[in-house]
Amino acid sequence: MAIDPRFLAESGREVFIGNELLVKGALETEGGVHLMTGYPGSPVAGFFDVLGDIGDLLKAKGVRAFQANNEALGVAAVNGSQMAPCRSIVAFKSVGTHVAADALALGTLAGAHPEGGALVISGEDPWCDSTQVPADSRFLFEHLRMPVVEPGSLQEVKDWINLSFKLSQAAGLYIGYIVTVAQADGGGTVE
C-alpha cells in the first residue's frame, strides 16, 4: 500500500482531518517522536486508524506505534520511555484520562526527561456528542499538576505538537493536550 503523500510533504497546503493532524504534527516534531500509543475512543479513535494506515512510514522513521490494552498501560509505556529518553505521545478520550490517572500521577511525579518529553492527548467531548458522559480533562490535569495546551485551530492542532514537546522538555513535565470532537473529527487546510 502506498504511503499517503500528505504525510511526506514538507511544505505547501494540504487538507487533513484533526486526527491526521495529530500524527502529522508528531512527524514534524524536531528530533522526531519515538512512541505513539494509547487507547481508542471517540473523538480520538481515528488517531489509531491513521497510525495503522501509515504504519510503514512510522516504522521507517523509527516510531513505535501501537494500541495499548487500556489507557493506563499506554501511560505506563510513556512513563518507561522517559528513562530512555524518548519523545512520546499517549492518546485517549476524556474518560480515559480518569482511567489513566494513577499512571499519570506516577509519570508526573518522576517527570519528563529533558531530552525526551511526554504529551498526553485527551479527546474531549464537552457536549456529549459521541461519548457516554460530558467531561473536561483540564480539571484532572490540573489536579495532576500537568500544564494544559488547548489548540484553537486546526493549524494549531498540528503545530503545537512540536511546541508542546519543547515545553515538556524545558519544564520536565507531562503536557496535557486537549482536542475537542469538532477538532478531531473536523478537517480543513493547513500549511
N, C-alpha and C. Protein backbone atom coordinates (compact mmCIF):
# COMPACT_ATOMS: atom_id res chain seq x y z
N MET A 1 0.83 -1.18 0.00
CA MET A 1 0.00 0.00 0.00
C MET A 1 0.89 1.25 0.00
N ALA A 2 0.61 2.17 -0.89
CA ALA A 2 1.39 3.40 -0.99
C ALA A 2 1.14 4.29 0.22
N ILE A 3 2.17 5.02 0.61
CA ILE A 3 2.07 5.95 1.74
C ILE A 3 1.38 7.23 1.26
N ASP A 4 0.41 7.68 2.02
CA ASP A 4 -0.31 8.91 1.71
C ASP A 4 0.69 10.05 1.57
N PRO A 5 0.77 10.68 0.40
CA PRO A 5 1.79 11.72 0.17
C PRO A 5 1.65 12.95 1.08
N ARG A 6 0.47 13.16 1.65
CA ARG A 6 0.31 14.30 2.56
C ARG A 6 1.21 14.17 3.78
N PHE A 7 1.48 12.93 4.19
CA PHE A 7 2.32 12.72 5.37
C PHE A 7 3.81 12.84 5.04
N LEU A 8 4.14 12.84 3.75
CA LEU A 8 5.52 13.01 3.32
C LEU A 8 5.85 14.46 2.98
N ALA A 9 4.80 15.27 2.73
CA ALA A 9 5.00 16.67 2.31
C ALA A 9 5.69 17.47 3.41
N GLU A 10 6.70 18.24 3.01
CA GLU A 10 7.42 19.08 3.96
C GLU A 10 7.04 20.55 3.86
N SER A 11 6.26 20.90 2.85
CA SER A 11 5.79 22.27 2.70
C SER A 11 4.52 22.26 1.85
N GLY A 12 3.87 23.43 1.78
CA GLY A 12 2.65 23.55 1.00
C GLY A 12 1.41 23.44 1.84
N ARG A 13 0.28 23.51 1.17
CA ARG A 13 -1.01 23.43 1.84
C ARG A 13 -1.65 22.07 1.54
N GLU A 14 -2.18 21.45 2.57
CA GLU A 14 -2.83 20.15 2.44
C GLU A 14 -4.11 20.14 3.27
N VAL A 15 -5.02 19.27 2.93
CA VAL A 15 -6.27 19.10 3.67
C VAL A 15 -6.14 17.84 4.54
N PHE A 16 -6.43 18.00 5.81
CA PHE A 16 -6.36 16.91 6.79
C PHE A 16 -7.59 16.95 7.69
N ILE A 17 -7.91 15.83 8.30
CA ILE A 17 -8.84 15.83 9.43
C ILE A 17 -7.99 15.97 10.70
N GLY A 18 -8.62 16.32 11.79
CA GLY A 18 -7.90 16.60 13.03
C GLY A 18 -7.06 15.45 13.54
N ASN A 19 -7.59 14.23 13.52
CA ASN A 19 -6.81 13.09 13.99
C ASN A 19 -5.57 12.87 13.14
N GLU A 20 -5.66 13.14 11.85
CA GLU A 20 -4.48 13.06 10.98
C GLU A 20 -3.46 14.13 11.36
N LEU A 21 -3.94 15.30 11.74
CA LEU A 21 -3.05 16.40 12.10
C LEU A 21 -2.25 16.10 13.37
N LEU A 22 -2.82 15.35 14.28
CA LEU A 22 -2.06 14.96 15.47
C LEU A 22 -0.84 14.14 15.07
N VAL A 23 -1.04 13.22 14.13
CA VAL A 23 0.08 12.39 13.66
C VAL A 23 1.03 13.21 12.81
N LYS A 24 0.50 14.05 11.91
CA LYS A 24 1.36 14.90 11.07
C LYS A 24 2.21 15.82 11.94
N GLY A 25 1.62 16.37 12.99
CA GLY A 25 2.38 17.21 13.91
C GLY A 25 3.51 16.43 14.58
N ALA A 26 3.25 15.17 14.93
CA ALA A 26 4.29 14.33 15.51
C ALA A 26 5.41 14.09 14.50
N LEU A 27 5.05 13.87 13.25
CA LEU A 27 6.06 13.65 12.21
C LEU A 27 6.91 14.89 11.96
N GLU A 28 6.36 16.06 12.26
CA GLU A 28 7.09 17.32 12.06
C GLU A 28 7.82 17.77 13.32
N THR A 29 7.73 17.01 14.39
CA THR A 29 8.39 17.38 15.64
C THR A 29 9.90 17.33 15.49
N GLU A 30 10.55 18.37 15.95
CA GLU A 30 12.01 18.46 15.89
C GLU A 30 12.64 17.29 16.63
N GLY A 31 13.48 16.52 15.95
CA GLY A 31 14.10 15.34 16.54
C GLY A 31 13.23 14.10 16.45
N GLY A 32 12.00 14.25 15.99
CA GLY A 32 11.10 13.11 15.82
C GLY A 32 10.42 12.68 17.09
N VAL A 33 9.40 11.88 16.94
CA VAL A 33 8.69 11.25 18.05
C VAL A 33 9.03 9.77 18.00
N HIS A 34 9.24 9.18 19.15
CA HIS A 34 9.68 7.79 19.20
C HIS A 34 8.56 6.80 19.52
N LEU A 35 7.53 7.27 20.23
CA LEU A 35 6.45 6.38 20.67
C LEU A 35 5.11 7.08 20.52
N MET A 36 4.14 6.38 19.93
CA MET A 36 2.75 6.84 19.89
C MET A 36 1.89 5.66 20.29
N THR A 37 1.15 5.85 21.36
CA THR A 37 0.32 4.78 21.90
C THR A 37 -0.94 5.36 22.51
N GLY A 38 -1.69 4.54 23.19
CA GLY A 38 -2.92 4.96 23.85
C GLY A 38 -4.02 3.95 23.62
N TYR A 39 -5.24 4.43 23.82
CA TYR A 39 -6.39 3.55 23.71
C TYR A 39 -7.49 4.31 22.98
N PRO A 40 -8.09 3.69 21.94
CA PRO A 40 -9.05 4.42 21.12
C PRO A 40 -10.38 4.68 21.82
N GLY A 41 -10.94 5.79 21.51
CA GLY A 41 -12.26 6.18 21.98
C GLY A 41 -12.58 7.51 21.33
N SER A 42 -13.83 7.75 21.05
CA SER A 42 -14.23 8.98 20.39
C SER A 42 -13.91 10.16 21.31
N PRO A 43 -13.31 11.21 20.80
CA PRO A 43 -13.11 11.57 19.41
C PRO A 43 -11.73 11.25 18.83
N VAL A 44 -10.85 10.54 19.56
CA VAL A 44 -9.51 10.28 19.04
C VAL A 44 -9.33 8.86 18.49
N ALA A 45 -10.42 8.15 18.27
CA ALA A 45 -10.30 6.79 17.71
C ALA A 45 -9.62 6.83 16.35
N GLY A 46 -9.87 7.87 15.57
CA GLY A 46 -9.26 8.00 14.25
C GLY A 46 -7.75 8.14 14.29
N PHE A 47 -7.20 8.60 15.40
CA PHE A 47 -5.75 8.69 15.60
C PHE A 47 -5.12 7.32 15.37
N PHE A 48 -5.75 6.28 15.88
CA PHE A 48 -5.22 4.93 15.77
C PHE A 48 -5.40 4.37 14.36
N ASP A 49 -6.46 4.79 13.68
CA ASP A 49 -6.63 4.42 12.27
C ASP A 49 -5.48 4.97 11.44
N VAL A 50 -5.10 6.22 11.70
CA VAL A 50 -4.01 6.86 10.97
C VAL A 50 -2.70 6.13 11.25
N LEU A 51 -2.44 5.78 12.51
CA LEU A 51 -1.22 5.04 12.84
C LEU A 51 -1.14 3.75 12.03
N GLY A 52 -2.27 3.07 11.87
CA GLY A 52 -2.29 1.84 11.08
C GLY A 52 -2.10 2.12 9.60
N ASP A 53 -2.74 3.17 9.11
CA ASP A 53 -2.68 3.50 7.68
C ASP A 53 -1.26 3.85 7.23
N ILE A 54 -0.50 4.51 8.08
CA ILE A 54 0.86 4.91 7.70
C ILE A 54 1.91 4.16 8.51
N GLY A 55 1.57 2.97 8.92
CA GLY A 55 2.48 2.16 9.75
C GLY A 55 3.85 1.96 9.14
N ASP A 56 3.93 1.77 7.82
CA ASP A 56 5.23 1.58 7.18
C ASP A 56 6.10 2.83 7.29
N LEU A 57 5.49 4.00 7.13
CA LEU A 57 6.23 5.25 7.27
C LEU A 57 6.73 5.42 8.70
N LEU A 58 5.85 5.15 9.66
CA LEU A 58 6.24 5.28 11.07
C LEU A 58 7.40 4.34 11.39
N LYS A 59 7.30 3.11 10.93
CA LYS A 59 8.37 2.14 11.18
C LYS A 59 9.68 2.61 10.55
N ALA A 60 9.61 3.15 9.33
CA ALA A 60 10.81 3.64 8.64
C ALA A 60 11.44 4.81 9.39
N LYS A 61 10.64 5.58 10.11
CA LYS A 61 11.15 6.72 10.88
C LYS A 61 11.52 6.32 12.32
N GLY A 62 11.43 5.04 12.62
CA GLY A 62 11.81 4.57 13.95
C GLY A 62 10.78 4.82 15.02
N VAL A 63 9.52 5.00 14.63
CA VAL A 63 8.45 5.27 15.59
C VAL A 63 7.79 3.94 15.98
N ARG A 64 7.68 3.71 17.27
CA ARG A 64 6.94 2.56 17.78
C ARG A 64 5.52 3.05 18.00
N ALA A 65 4.57 2.50 17.24
CA ALA A 65 3.16 2.91 17.34
C ALA A 65 2.31 1.68 17.61
N PHE A 66 1.55 1.72 18.70
CA PHE A 66 0.69 0.59 19.00
C PHE A 66 -0.49 1.02 19.87
N GLN A 67 -1.55 0.24 19.79
CA GLN A 67 -2.72 0.45 20.63
C GLN A 67 -2.53 -0.36 21.90
N ALA A 68 -2.56 0.31 23.03
CA ALA A 68 -2.41 -0.36 24.32
C ALA A 68 -3.71 -1.07 24.69
N ASN A 69 -3.64 -1.97 25.65
CA ASN A 69 -4.83 -2.70 26.10
C ASN A 69 -5.79 -1.82 26.89
N ASN A 70 -5.28 -0.74 27.47
CA ASN A 70 -6.12 0.26 28.13
C ASN A 70 -5.30 1.54 28.29
N GLU A 71 -5.94 2.57 28.78
CA GLU A 71 -5.30 3.88 28.89
C GLU A 71 -4.13 3.86 29.88
N ALA A 72 -4.29 3.17 30.99
CA ALA A 72 -3.23 3.13 32.00
C ALA A 72 -1.97 2.46 31.46
N LEU A 73 -2.13 1.41 30.66
CA LEU A 73 -0.97 0.75 30.09
C LEU A 73 -0.29 1.62 29.03
N GLY A 74 -1.07 2.43 28.31
CA GLY A 74 -0.48 3.39 27.38
C GLY A 74 0.39 4.40 28.12
N VAL A 75 -0.10 4.91 29.24
CA VAL A 75 0.68 5.86 30.03
C VAL A 75 1.89 5.16 30.64
N ALA A 76 1.74 3.91 31.05
CA ALA A 76 2.89 3.17 31.60
C ALA A 76 4.01 3.08 30.57
N ALA A 77 3.66 2.87 29.30
CA ALA A 77 4.68 2.84 28.24
C ALA A 77 5.37 4.19 28.12
N VAL A 78 4.60 5.27 28.21
CA VAL A 78 5.18 6.61 28.14
C VAL A 78 6.08 6.84 29.37
N ASN A 79 5.62 6.41 30.53
CA ASN A 79 6.43 6.57 31.74
C ASN A 79 7.79 5.89 31.56
N GLY A 80 7.78 4.68 31.06
CA GLY A 80 9.04 3.97 30.83
C GLY A 80 9.90 4.63 29.78
N SER A 81 9.26 5.23 28.78
CA SER A 81 10.01 5.85 27.69
C SER A 81 10.84 7.04 28.16
N GLN A 82 10.47 7.64 29.28
CA GLN A 82 11.20 8.81 29.76
C GLN A 82 12.55 8.42 30.36
N MET A 83 12.76 7.14 30.60
CA MET A 83 14.06 6.67 31.08
C MET A 83 15.03 6.50 29.92
N ALA A 84 14.53 6.43 28.68
CA ALA A 84 15.36 6.10 27.52
C ALA A 84 16.31 7.20 27.06
N PRO A 85 16.05 8.41 26.84
CA PRO A 85 14.80 9.16 26.80
C PRO A 85 14.18 9.16 25.40
N CYS A 86 12.87 9.22 25.36
CA CYS A 86 12.13 9.26 24.09
C CYS A 86 11.06 10.35 24.16
N ARG A 87 10.75 10.90 23.00
CA ARG A 87 9.60 11.79 22.88
C ARG A 87 8.40 10.88 22.63
N SER A 88 7.40 10.97 23.50
CA SER A 88 6.29 10.02 23.48
C SER A 88 4.94 10.70 23.58
N ILE A 89 3.97 10.09 22.88
CA ILE A 89 2.58 10.56 22.89
C ILE A 89 1.70 9.41 23.34
N VAL A 90 0.75 9.72 24.21
CA VAL A 90 -0.32 8.79 24.54
C VAL A 90 -1.63 9.53 24.28
N ALA A 91 -2.59 8.84 23.67
CA ALA A 91 -3.87 9.46 23.32
C ALA A 91 -5.02 8.58 23.78
N PHE A 92 -6.07 9.24 24.28
CA PHE A 92 -7.30 8.55 24.67
C PHE A 92 -8.40 9.58 24.83
N LYS A 93 -9.62 9.11 25.01
CA LYS A 93 -10.73 10.05 25.21
C LYS A 93 -10.74 10.57 26.64
N SER A 94 -11.54 11.58 26.89
CA SER A 94 -11.53 12.25 28.19
C SER A 94 -11.81 11.28 29.34
N VAL A 95 -12.71 10.35 29.16
CA VAL A 95 -12.99 9.38 30.22
C VAL A 95 -11.74 8.55 30.50
N GLY A 96 -10.94 8.31 29.48
CA GLY A 96 -9.69 7.57 29.64
C GLY A 96 -8.67 8.30 30.49
N THR A 97 -8.75 9.62 30.55
CA THR A 97 -7.86 10.39 31.40
C THR A 97 -8.05 9.95 32.86
N HIS A 98 -9.30 9.68 33.22
CA HIS A 98 -9.59 9.20 34.58
C HIS A 98 -9.04 7.78 34.77
N VAL A 99 -9.20 6.92 33.77
CA VAL A 99 -8.70 5.55 33.85
C VAL A 99 -7.18 5.56 34.03
N ALA A 100 -6.51 6.50 33.39
CA ALA A 100 -5.05 6.57 33.41
C ALA A 100 -4.49 7.43 34.54
N ALA A 101 -5.34 7.96 35.40
CA ALA A 101 -4.91 8.95 36.40
C ALA A 101 -3.80 8.43 37.31
N ASP A 102 -3.87 7.19 37.77
CA ASP A 102 -2.81 6.67 38.65
C ASP A 102 -1.48 6.64 37.93
N ALA A 103 -1.47 6.13 36.70
CA ALA A 103 -0.23 6.07 35.93
C ALA A 103 0.27 7.47 35.61
N LEU A 104 -0.64 8.40 35.32
CA LEU A 104 -0.24 9.79 35.07
C LEU A 104 0.36 10.42 36.32
N ALA A 105 -0.19 10.11 37.49
CA ALA A 105 0.35 10.66 38.74
C ALA A 105 1.79 10.19 38.93
N LEU A 106 2.07 8.93 38.65
CA LEU A 106 3.43 8.41 38.77
C LEU A 106 4.36 9.07 37.76
N GLY A 107 3.88 9.22 36.53
CA GLY A 107 4.69 9.84 35.49
C GLY A 107 5.02 11.29 35.78
N THR A 108 4.03 12.03 36.23
CA THR A 108 4.27 13.45 36.52
C THR A 108 5.17 13.61 37.74
N LEU A 109 5.08 12.68 38.67
CA LEU A 109 5.96 12.72 39.84
C LEU A 109 7.41 12.51 39.41
N ALA A 110 7.65 11.54 38.53
CA ALA A 110 9.00 11.27 38.04
C ALA A 110 9.46 12.36 37.07
N GLY A 111 8.54 12.90 36.29
CA GLY A 111 8.83 13.97 35.36
C GLY A 111 9.24 13.49 33.98
N ALA A 112 9.21 14.40 33.05
CA ALA A 112 9.63 14.12 31.67
C ALA A 112 11.13 14.36 31.56
N HIS A 113 11.79 13.54 30.79
CA HIS A 113 13.23 13.66 30.58
C HIS A 113 13.52 14.91 29.75
N PRO A 114 14.57 15.66 30.05
CA PRO A 114 14.87 16.88 29.29
C PRO A 114 15.20 16.62 27.82
N GLU A 115 15.55 15.40 27.46
CA GLU A 115 15.79 15.06 26.06
C GLU A 115 14.65 14.21 25.50
N GLY A 116 13.67 13.92 26.33
CA GLY A 116 12.52 13.13 25.91
C GLY A 116 11.31 14.04 25.76
N GLY A 117 10.35 13.84 26.62
CA GLY A 117 9.13 14.64 26.61
C GLY A 117 7.92 13.75 26.51
N ALA A 118 6.85 14.16 27.18
CA ALA A 118 5.62 13.37 27.21
C ALA A 118 4.42 14.25 26.92
N LEU A 119 3.63 13.82 25.96
CA LEU A 119 2.43 14.54 25.55
C LEU A 119 1.23 13.62 25.74
N VAL A 120 0.24 14.09 26.49
CA VAL A 120 -0.95 13.31 26.80
C VAL A 120 -2.14 13.95 26.08
N ILE A 121 -2.56 13.33 24.98
CA ILE A 121 -3.67 13.86 24.19
C ILE A 121 -4.97 13.33 24.74
N SER A 122 -5.85 14.24 25.13
CA SER A 122 -7.16 13.86 25.64
C SER A 122 -8.23 14.37 24.69
N GLY A 123 -8.97 13.44 24.11
CA GLY A 123 -10.08 13.79 23.22
C GLY A 123 -11.29 14.17 24.05
N GLU A 124 -11.67 15.42 23.97
CA GLU A 124 -12.75 15.95 24.80
C GLU A 124 -14.08 15.99 24.05
N ASP A 125 -15.13 15.65 24.74
CA ASP A 125 -16.49 15.68 24.18
C ASP A 125 -17.38 16.45 25.15
N PRO A 126 -17.17 17.76 25.27
CA PRO A 126 -17.90 18.52 26.28
C PRO A 126 -19.41 18.59 26.06
N TRP A 127 -19.87 18.28 24.84
CA TRP A 127 -21.30 18.35 24.55
C TRP A 127 -21.94 16.98 24.50
N CYS A 128 -21.17 15.94 24.83
CA CYS A 128 -21.68 14.57 24.85
C CYS A 128 -22.22 14.16 23.46
N ASP A 129 -21.50 14.55 22.42
CA ASP A 129 -21.88 14.17 21.06
C ASP A 129 -21.59 12.72 20.76
N SER A 130 -20.48 12.20 21.29
CA SER A 130 -20.05 10.87 20.90
C SER A 130 -19.60 9.99 22.07
N THR A 131 -19.75 10.46 23.29
CA THR A 131 -19.38 9.67 24.45
C THR A 131 -20.53 9.60 25.43
N GLN A 132 -20.37 8.74 26.43
CA GLN A 132 -21.46 8.50 27.37
C GLN A 132 -21.68 9.63 28.36
N VAL A 133 -20.62 10.38 28.66
CA VAL A 133 -20.74 11.48 29.62
C VAL A 133 -19.90 12.65 29.14
N PRO A 134 -20.37 13.88 29.36
CA PRO A 134 -19.52 15.02 29.04
C PRO A 134 -18.41 15.10 30.08
N ALA A 135 -17.23 15.52 29.65
CA ALA A 135 -16.12 15.60 30.58
C ALA A 135 -15.19 16.74 30.17
N ASP A 136 -14.39 17.17 31.11
CA ASP A 136 -13.41 18.20 30.85
C ASP A 136 -12.14 17.82 31.60
N SER A 137 -11.16 17.30 30.87
CA SER A 137 -9.93 16.79 31.49
C SER A 137 -9.04 17.88 32.07
N ARG A 138 -9.31 19.13 31.74
CA ARG A 138 -8.45 20.20 32.27
C ARG A 138 -8.37 20.17 33.79
N PHE A 139 -9.49 19.85 34.44
CA PHE A 139 -9.51 19.85 35.90
C PHE A 139 -8.69 18.70 36.48
N LEU A 140 -8.75 17.53 35.83
CA LEU A 140 -7.94 16.40 36.28
C LEU A 140 -6.46 16.65 35.99
N PHE A 141 -6.16 17.22 34.82
CA PHE A 141 -4.77 17.59 34.52
C PHE A 141 -4.24 18.56 35.57
N GLU A 142 -5.06 19.53 35.95
CA GLU A 142 -4.64 20.49 36.98
C GLU A 142 -4.35 19.77 38.30
N HIS A 143 -5.22 18.84 38.66
CA HIS A 143 -5.03 18.07 39.89
C HIS A 143 -3.71 17.28 39.84
N LEU A 144 -3.37 16.79 38.64
CA LEU A 144 -2.14 16.02 38.45
C LEU A 144 -0.91 16.91 38.26
N ARG A 145 -1.09 18.23 38.35
CA ARG A 145 -0.02 19.22 38.19
C ARG A 145 0.57 19.18 36.78
N MET A 146 -0.32 19.02 35.81
CA MET A 146 0.10 18.99 34.41
C MET A 146 -0.38 20.26 33.70
N PRO A 147 0.51 20.99 33.04
CA PRO A 147 0.06 22.11 32.22
C PRO A 147 -0.82 21.59 31.08
N VAL A 148 -1.71 22.44 30.62
CA VAL A 148 -2.63 22.05 29.55
C VAL A 148 -2.46 22.97 28.35
N VAL A 149 -2.36 22.37 27.19
CA VAL A 149 -2.32 23.09 25.93
C VAL A 149 -3.64 22.81 25.23
N GLU A 150 -4.28 23.86 24.75
CA GLU A 150 -5.58 23.70 24.12
C GLU A 150 -5.60 24.45 22.79
N PRO A 151 -5.24 23.78 21.69
CA PRO A 151 -5.23 24.46 20.39
C PRO A 151 -6.61 24.98 20.02
N GLY A 152 -6.62 26.12 19.34
CA GLY A 152 -7.88 26.74 18.95
C GLY A 152 -8.21 26.62 17.48
N SER A 153 -7.26 26.14 16.67
CA SER A 153 -7.49 26.00 15.23
C SER A 153 -6.84 24.71 14.76
N LEU A 154 -7.20 24.28 13.56
CA LEU A 154 -6.58 23.07 13.01
C LEU A 154 -5.09 23.26 12.78
N GLN A 155 -4.68 24.45 12.38
CA GLN A 155 -3.25 24.71 12.20
C GLN A 155 -2.52 24.53 13.53
N GLU A 156 -3.12 25.02 14.61
CA GLU A 156 -2.52 24.88 15.93
C GLU A 156 -2.51 23.42 16.39
N VAL A 157 -3.54 22.65 16.04
CA VAL A 157 -3.56 21.22 16.40
C VAL A 157 -2.28 20.55 15.91
N LYS A 158 -1.87 20.86 14.70
CA LYS A 158 -0.65 20.28 14.12
C LYS A 158 0.60 20.92 14.71
N ASP A 159 0.69 22.23 14.66
CA ASP A 159 1.92 22.93 15.02
C ASP A 159 2.27 22.86 16.51
N TRP A 160 1.28 22.79 17.35
CA TRP A 160 1.54 22.83 18.78
C TRP A 160 2.03 21.49 19.34
N ILE A 161 2.02 20.42 18.53
CA ILE A 161 2.62 19.16 18.99
C ILE A 161 4.11 19.41 19.26
N ASN A 162 4.83 19.95 18.29
CA ASN A 162 6.25 20.25 18.45
C ASN A 162 6.48 21.22 19.60
N LEU A 163 5.68 22.27 19.68
CA LEU A 163 5.84 23.25 20.76
C LEU A 163 5.59 22.62 22.13
N SER A 164 4.65 21.70 22.20
CA SER A 164 4.35 21.04 23.47
C SER A 164 5.50 20.14 23.92
N PHE A 165 6.17 19.50 22.97
CA PHE A 165 7.35 18.72 23.34
C PHE A 165 8.46 19.62 23.87
N LYS A 166 8.66 20.78 23.26
CA LYS A 166 9.66 21.72 23.76
C LYS A 166 9.32 22.16 25.18
N LEU A 167 8.04 22.42 25.44
CA LEU A 167 7.59 22.80 26.78
C LEU A 167 7.83 21.66 27.77
N SER A 168 7.50 20.43 27.37
CA SER A 168 7.69 19.28 28.23
C SER A 168 9.17 19.11 28.60
N GLN A 169 10.05 19.25 27.61
CA GLN A 169 11.48 19.09 27.85
C GLN A 169 12.01 20.20 28.75
N ALA A 170 11.61 21.43 28.48
CA ALA A 170 12.12 22.56 29.26
C ALA A 170 11.64 22.53 30.70
N ALA A 171 10.39 22.12 30.90
CA ALA A 171 9.81 22.14 32.25
C ALA A 171 9.95 20.82 32.99
N GLY A 172 10.28 19.75 32.26
CA GLY A 172 10.35 18.43 32.90
C GLY A 172 8.99 17.90 33.28
N LEU A 173 7.96 18.35 32.56
CA LEU A 173 6.58 17.98 32.90
C LEU A 173 5.89 17.24 31.76
N TYR A 174 4.91 16.43 32.12
CA TYR A 174 3.99 15.87 31.14
C TYR A 174 3.03 17.00 30.74
N ILE A 175 2.67 17.05 29.47
CA ILE A 175 1.80 18.11 28.98
C ILE A 175 0.46 17.51 28.56
N GLY A 176 -0.62 18.04 29.12
CA GLY A 176 -1.96 17.67 28.68
C GLY A 176 -2.30 18.41 27.40
N TYR A 177 -2.88 17.72 26.43
CA TYR A 177 -3.15 18.31 25.11
C TYR A 177 -4.62 18.04 24.79
N ILE A 178 -5.45 19.08 24.86
CA ILE A 178 -6.89 18.96 24.69
C ILE A 178 -7.28 19.08 23.22
N VAL A 179 -8.03 18.10 22.73
CA VAL A 179 -8.58 18.14 21.37
C VAL A 179 -10.07 17.83 21.48
N THR A 180 -10.90 18.72 20.95
CA THR A 180 -12.35 18.51 21.03
C THR A 180 -12.85 17.67 19.86
N VAL A 181 -14.10 17.25 19.95
CA VAL A 181 -14.75 16.48 18.88
C VAL A 181 -14.68 17.26 17.57
N ALA A 182 -14.99 18.56 17.62
CA ALA A 182 -15.00 19.37 16.41
C ALA A 182 -13.62 19.40 15.76
N GLN A 183 -12.58 19.46 16.56
CA GLN A 183 -11.22 19.48 16.01
C GLN A 183 -10.80 18.10 15.49
N ALA A 184 -11.04 17.06 16.27
CA ALA A 184 -10.58 15.71 15.91
C ALA A 184 -11.30 15.19 14.68
N ASP A 185 -12.61 15.38 14.62
CA ASP A 185 -13.40 14.84 13.52
C ASP A 185 -13.55 15.82 12.36
N GLY A 186 -13.31 17.11 12.63
CA GLY A 186 -13.39 18.11 11.59
C GLY A 186 -12.14 18.09 10.72
N GLY A 187 -12.14 18.93 9.75
CA GLY A 187 -10.98 18.98 8.87
C GLY A 187 -10.86 20.31 8.18
N GLY A 188 -9.75 20.50 7.49
CA GLY A 188 -9.52 21.73 6.78
C GLY A 188 -8.13 21.78 6.22
N THR A 189 -7.77 22.95 5.72
CA THR A 189 -6.48 23.15 5.08
C THR A 189 -5.49 23.74 6.07
N VAL A 190 -4.28 23.19 6.07
CA VAL A 190 -3.20 23.68 6.92
C VAL A 190 -1.93 23.82 6.09
N GLU A 191 -1.02 24.61 6.60
CA GLU A 191 0.31 24.75 5.98
C GLU A 191 1.21 23.65 6.49
